[in-house]
Protein backbone atom coordinates (compact mmCIF):
# COMPACT_ATOMS: atom_id res chain seq x y z
CA MET A 1 0.00 0.00 0.00
CA PHE A 2 1.32 3.40 -1.02
CA LEU A 3 1.23 6.38 1.34
CA TYR A 4 1.38 9.98 0.15
CA SER A 5 -0.26 13.26 1.13
CA ASN A 6 -2.03 11.43 3.98
CA LEU A 7 -3.95 9.35 1.42
CA LYS A 8 -3.61 5.62 0.86
CA PHE A 9 -3.82 3.91 -2.55
CA GLU A 10 -3.59 0.23 -3.35
CA SER A 11 -3.57 0.92 -7.08
CA ILE A 12 -4.61 3.55 -9.57
CA ASP A 13 -6.41 3.29 -12.89
CA ILE A 14 -3.71 4.00 -15.44
CA TYR A 15 -5.77 3.57 -18.62
CA PRO A 16 -7.68 6.90 -18.85
CA ILE A 17 -4.55 8.95 -18.19
CA ARG A 18 -2.45 6.78 -20.50
CA ASP A 19 -5.02 7.17 -23.28
CA LEU A 20 -5.30 10.94 -22.78
CA VAL A 21 -1.52 11.32 -23.04
CA ALA A 22 -1.54 9.19 -26.22
CA GLU A 23 -4.37 11.26 -27.72
CA ILE A 24 -2.58 14.55 -27.11
CA SER A 25 1.05 13.65 -27.72
CA GLY A 26 1.11 10.28 -29.48
CA LEU A 27 3.20 8.82 -26.64
CA TYR A 28 1.88 5.36 -25.86
CA PHE A 29 2.76 3.10 -22.94
CA ASP A 30 1.62 -0.53 -22.82
CA GLU A 31 0.93 -2.49 -19.64
CA ARG A 32 4.58 -3.50 -19.27
CA ARG A 33 5.45 0.12 -18.46
CA PHE A 34 2.57 0.89 -16.13
CA TYR A 35 4.85 0.82 -13.08
CA PHE A 36 6.94 3.53 -14.71
CA ILE A 37 3.83 5.62 -15.46
CA GLU A 38 2.29 5.14 -12.02
CA LYS A 39 5.31 6.50 -10.19
CA ARG A 40 5.26 9.65 -12.27
CA ILE A 41 1.50 10.13 -12.02
CA ARG A 42 1.69 9.84 -8.25
CA ASN A 43 4.42 12.47 -8.16
CA ARG A 44 2.37 14.87 -10.31
CA MET A 45 -0.67 14.25 -8.08
CA LYS A 46 1.42 15.26 -5.10
CA GLN A 47 2.73 18.36 -6.89
CA THR A 48 -0.80 19.48 -7.83
CA ASN A 49 -2.40 18.55 -4.48
CA SER A 50 -4.85 16.24 -6.23
CA LYS A 51 -6.83 14.24 -3.67
CA SER A 52 -7.65 11.37 -6.01
CA VAL A 53 -6.84 10.00 -9.44
CA LYS A 54 -10.25 11.17 -10.60
CA ASP A 55 -9.43 14.72 -9.48
CA TYR A 56 -6.09 14.60 -11.25
CA PHE A 57 -7.64 13.27 -14.46
CA ARG A 58 -10.18 16.09 -14.35
CA LEU A 59 -7.32 18.54 -13.88
CA LEU A 60 -5.57 17.17 -16.96
CA LYS A 61 -8.65 17.66 -19.08
CA LEU A 62 -9.36 21.23 -18.00
CA SER A 63 -8.57 23.54 -20.88
CA ASN A 64 -7.46 26.31 -18.53
CA TYR A 65 -4.84 24.06 -16.98
CA ALA A 66 -3.07 22.99 -20.14
CA GLY A 67 0.25 23.33 -18.35
CA GLU A 68 -0.32 20.19 -16.29
CA ILE A 69 -0.62 17.87 -19.25
CA GLU A 70 2.67 19.35 -20.45
CA GLU A 71 4.22 18.69 -17.03
CA LEU A 72 3.04 15.07 -17.10
CA ILE A 73 4.32 14.49 -20.63
CA THR A 74 7.67 15.93 -19.55
CA ALA A 75 7.75 13.54 -16.60
CA LEU A 76 7.01 10.59 -18.90
CA THR A 77 9.68 11.45 -21.45
CA ILE A 78 13.12 9.84 -21.19
CA ASN A 79 15.80 12.23 -22.41
CA GLU A 80 18.79 9.92 -22.87
CA THR A 81 21.17 11.11 -25.57
CA TYR A 82 24.75 12.24 -26.22
CA PHE A 83 26.98 13.63 -28.98
CA TYR A 84 27.90 11.37 -31.93
CA ARG A 85 25.34 8.72 -31.01
CA ASN A 86 25.33 5.71 -33.37
CA ILE A 87 28.61 6.54 -35.08
CA PRO A 88 28.27 4.02 -37.98
CA GLN A 89 25.00 5.67 -39.02
CA LEU A 90 26.57 9.13 -38.85
CA GLU A 91 29.51 7.91 -40.91
CA SER A 92 27.10 6.62 -43.59
CA PHE A 93 25.37 9.99 -43.52
CA ILE A 94 28.60 11.94 -44.07
CA GLU A 95 30.45 9.55 -46.39
CA GLU A 96 27.64 8.23 -48.57
CA ILE A 97 24.25 9.89 -48.15
CA LEU A 98 25.11 13.59 -47.94
CA PRO A 99 27.18 13.45 -51.17
CA LEU A 100 24.22 11.79 -52.97
CA VAL A 101 21.82 14.53 -51.90
CA ILE A 102 24.29 17.28 -52.83
CA GLN A 103 24.91 15.70 -56.22
CA ALA A 104 21.16 15.56 -56.90
CA LYS A 105 20.62 19.23 -56.04
CA LYS A 106 19.55 21.40 -58.94
CA LYS A 107 22.15 23.79 -60.25
CA GLY A 108 22.25 26.88 -58.08
CA ASP A 109 20.46 25.24 -55.14
CA ARG A 110 22.84 25.75 -52.22
CA THR A 111 20.43 24.96 -49.37
CA LEU A 112 20.61 22.04 -46.95
CA LYS A 113 17.83 21.59 -44.41
CA PHE A 114 17.98 19.28 -41.41
CA TRP A 115 15.41 18.45 -38.76
CA SER A 116 16.26 16.65 -35.51
CA ALA A 117 12.85 15.47 -34.30
CA GLY A 118 12.70 14.62 -30.60
CA CYS A 119 16.04 16.35 -30.12
CA SER A 120 15.96 16.25 -26.30
CA SER A 121 18.82 18.36 -24.89
CA GLY A 122 20.24 19.15 -28.32
CA GLU A 123 23.18 16.79 -28.74
CA GLU A 124 21.93 15.30 -32.01
CA ALA A 125 21.22 18.67 -33.66
CA TYR A 126 24.58 20.06 -32.57
CA THR A 127 26.28 16.87 -33.75
CA LEU A 128 24.93 17.52 -37.25
CA SER A 129 26.34 21.03 -37.18
CA ILE A 130 29.78 19.79 -36.09
CA LEU A 131 29.76 17.07 -38.75
CA LEU A 132 28.99 19.59 -41.47
CA GLN A 133 31.75 21.91 -40.27
CA GLU A 134 34.21 19.03 -40.25
CA HIS A 135 33.29 17.26 -43.48
CA LEU A 136 31.24 19.47 -45.82
CA LYS A 137 33.43 21.08 -48.46
CA ASN A 138 33.20 24.87 -48.19
CA PRO A 139 30.31 24.90 -45.67
CA GLN A 140 30.26 28.71 -45.78
CA GLN A 141 29.04 28.49 -49.38
CA TRP A 142 25.88 26.68 -48.29
CA LYS A 143 22.72 27.97 -46.68
CA ILE A 144 22.38 25.43 -43.88
CA GLU A 145 19.29 25.22 -41.68
CA ILE A 146 19.26 22.90 -38.67
CA ILE A 147 16.16 22.72 -36.49
CA GLY A 148 15.82 20.71 -33.30
CA SER A 149 12.36 20.07 -31.90
CA ASP A 150 10.92 18.41 -28.84
CA ILE A 151 7.61 18.36 -26.99
CA ASP A 152 9.36 19.10 -23.69
CA GLN A 153 9.92 22.84 -23.21
CA LYS A 154 12.20 22.32 -20.20
CA ILE A 155 14.59 20.08 -22.08
CA LEU A 156 14.63 22.58 -24.97
CA ARG A 157 15.80 25.31 -22.61
CA LYS A 158 18.65 23.01 -21.66
CA ALA A 159 19.42 22.49 -25.35
CA GLN A 160 19.59 26.24 -25.88
CA ARG A 161 22.04 26.60 -22.99
CA ALA A 162 24.29 24.02 -24.69
CA LEU A 163 26.09 23.11 -21.46
CA TYR A 164 27.02 19.42 -21.15
CA ASN A 165 28.69 17.00 -18.79
CA LYS A 166 31.46 14.49 -19.44
CA ARG A 167 29.09 11.61 -20.19
CA GLN A 168 27.31 13.59 -22.90
CA VAL A 169 30.55 14.28 -24.80
CA LYS A 170 32.05 10.82 -24.25
CA ASN A 171 32.10 9.96 -27.97
CA LEU A 172 33.93 13.12 -28.99
CA SER A 173 37.68 13.16 -29.58
CA SER A 174 39.83 15.52 -27.57
CA HIS A 175 40.43 17.44 -30.80
CA LEU A 176 36.70 18.07 -31.32
CA ILE A 177 36.15 19.00 -27.68
CA LYS A 178 38.99 21.51 -27.79
CA LYS A 179 37.79 22.94 -31.11
CA TYR A 180 34.09 23.32 -30.33
CA PHE A 181 33.78 23.56 -26.53
CA ASN A 182 34.98 25.71 -23.68
CA HIS A 183 35.89 23.35 -20.84
CA SER A 184 35.33 24.48 -17.25
CA GLY A 185 35.63 21.94 -14.45
CA SER A 186 33.37 18.98 -15.27
CA LEU A 187 31.22 20.91 -17.75
CA PHE A 188 31.59 21.61 -21.46
CA GLN A 189 30.08 24.77 -22.94
CA LEU A 190 29.48 24.64 -26.67
CA LYS A 191 31.06 27.56 -28.51
CA ASP A 192 28.83 30.10 -30.25
CA GLU A 193 29.89 28.98 -33.73
CA ILE A 194 27.91 25.75 -33.28
CA LYS A 195 25.44 26.93 -30.64
CA ASN A 196 24.08 29.66 -32.91
CA SER A 197 23.81 27.36 -35.92
CA VAL A 198 20.80 25.46 -34.54
CA GLN A 199 17.26 26.70 -33.98
CA PHE A 200 15.01 24.99 -31.45
CA SER A 201 11.24 24.75 -31.45
CA CYS A 202 8.66 23.15 -29.16
CA VAL A 203 6.68 20.81 -31.40
CA ASN A 204 4.12 18.09 -30.86
CA LEU A 205 4.62 15.55 -33.65
CA MET A 206 0.88 14.85 -33.62
CA ASN A 207 0.04 18.49 -34.38
CA HIS A 208 -0.24 19.11 -38.13
CA ARG A 209 -0.27 22.88 -37.70
CA GLU A 210 3.01 22.87 -35.80
CA LEU A 211 4.65 20.64 -38.41
CA ARG A 212 4.05 23.12 -41.24
CA GLN A 213 7.30 24.91 -40.42
CA PHE A 214 9.30 21.85 -41.49
CA SER A 215 8.80 22.02 -45.25
CA GLY A 216 11.44 21.15 -47.82
CA MET A 217 13.66 19.09 -45.51
CA ASP A 218 16.59 17.17 -46.98
CA PHE A 219 17.21 15.09 -43.85
CA VAL A 220 15.07 14.15 -40.87
CA PHE A 221 16.70 12.49 -37.88
CA CYS A 222 13.93 10.85 -35.87
CA ARG A 223 15.97 8.36 -33.90
CA ASN A 224 14.49 6.46 -30.95
CA VAL A 225 11.28 8.48 -31.10
CA LEU A 226 8.80 6.20 -32.88
CA ILE A 227 9.24 3.52 -30.21
CA TYR A 228 7.05 5.66 -27.92
CA PHE A 229 4.10 5.75 -30.36
CA ASN A 230 1.32 3.25 -30.99
CA ASP A 231 0.73 2.05 -34.55
CA ASP A 232 -1.81 4.73 -35.50
CA ALA A 233 0.30 7.58 -34.13
CA LYS A 234 3.43 6.14 -35.72
CA LYS A 235 1.70 6.03 -39.11
CA GLN A 236 0.57 9.64 -38.75
CA VAL A 237 4.07 10.84 -37.84
CA VAL A 238 5.79 8.87 -40.61
CA ASN A 239 3.32 10.16 -43.21
CA SER A 240 3.91 13.73 -42.00
CA ILE A 241 7.68 13.27 -42.31
CA PHE A 242 7.22 11.89 -45.82
CA ASP A 243 5.30 15.03 -46.81
CA ILE A 244 7.95 17.27 -45.21
CA LEU A 245 10.92 15.68 -46.98
CA ASN A 246 12.13 16.79 -50.39
CA PRO A 247 12.09 14.06 -53.06
CA GLY A 248 15.38 12.23 -52.61
CA GLY A 249 15.50 13.19 -48.93
CA TYR A 250 16.23 10.74 -46.11
CA ILE A 251 14.84 9.79 -42.72
CA PHE A 252 17.17 8.29 -40.11
CA LEU A 253 15.72 6.03 -37.39
CA GLY A 254 17.05 4.24 -34.32
CA HIS A 255 18.44 0.69 -34.32
CA SER A 256 15.16 -0.96 -33.33
CA GLU A 257 12.91 1.21 -35.49
CA SER A 258 11.49 0.71 -38.96
CA VAL A 259 8.82 2.18 -41.22
CA ALA A 260 8.36 -1.11 -43.07
CA ASN A 261 5.08 -1.93 -41.29
CA THR A 262 3.96 1.68 -41.20
CA SER A 263 4.47 3.10 -44.67
CA ALA A 264 5.27 1.66 -48.08
CA MET A 265 6.13 5.08 -49.48
CA PHE A 266 9.77 5.12 -48.37
CA LYS A 267 12.50 3.16 -50.12
CA LEU A 268 14.90 1.25 -47.88
CA ILE A 269 18.52 1.88 -48.92
CA LYS A 270 21.39 -0.29 -47.67
CA PHE A 271 24.65 1.57 -47.23
CA ASN A 272 28.04 0.22 -46.16
CA LYS A 273 27.57 0.95 -42.44
CA SER A 274 23.83 1.42 -41.94
CA LEU A 275 20.35 1.48 -43.42
CA SER A 276 18.25 4.51 -44.23
CA TYR A 277 14.89 5.33 -45.80
CA MET A 278 14.62 7.61 -48.83
CA LYS A 279 11.65 9.48 -50.23
CA PRO A 280 11.65 8.46 -53.90
CA CYS A 281 12.14 11.19 -56.47
CA GLN A 282 9.10 9.98 -58.42
């Protein structure tokens, strides 16, 4: 029996809250993760002085208390990431995929647009910027747009600060750390050259209106995001990304993710070090 705020609960009904979160954000948690959800719901109940689960559910649904559903979604989101995550995939991107997209650009088109969807604290978006500085020939001759988005406003503020610990830069060489970071004690502050190259935006991937800003993308990195969605939400997100990508553009997913059972519109391409999905040109 669980004791908190002088109230005793043997169990709580997870389903209505779980389904409300899924309806609003697309995040879906099956019964195997109910223990994880329950702990966070109980904490939010304590923070909002809710006397019962029914009261808390009512609070979530009140239109004039939209902030609480945002707080709960934040509590349910796992923000585990670091610089240069999944190096073989990034190497395929730089060595094989980026040159293909550049080669296919129409004469005079010097734009490259990247979207890091579910960017968490920004490491993935900043990684793209560093990779382009290191490997793109004459990057100053290109108009490069990198956008990082997440549903969690708190984690986006952390991304904008661009201050990281040793674990988050563990995959970076000492050369890259010295070149792109100011090191103070146990923290690493990203230099303005990279920090200012990324724009961040709070976006719900289930909101079509919010996704309109991501038109004409060449690359979408949506790694380890789809695993949180149920099949219907996953299909909606994948279809939206397909519409956002330029013909010949690519979507990058996490190791355990695939669009094979979600959309037949993408073409699976096998590269030397990884797989990726391309939006066909025709």
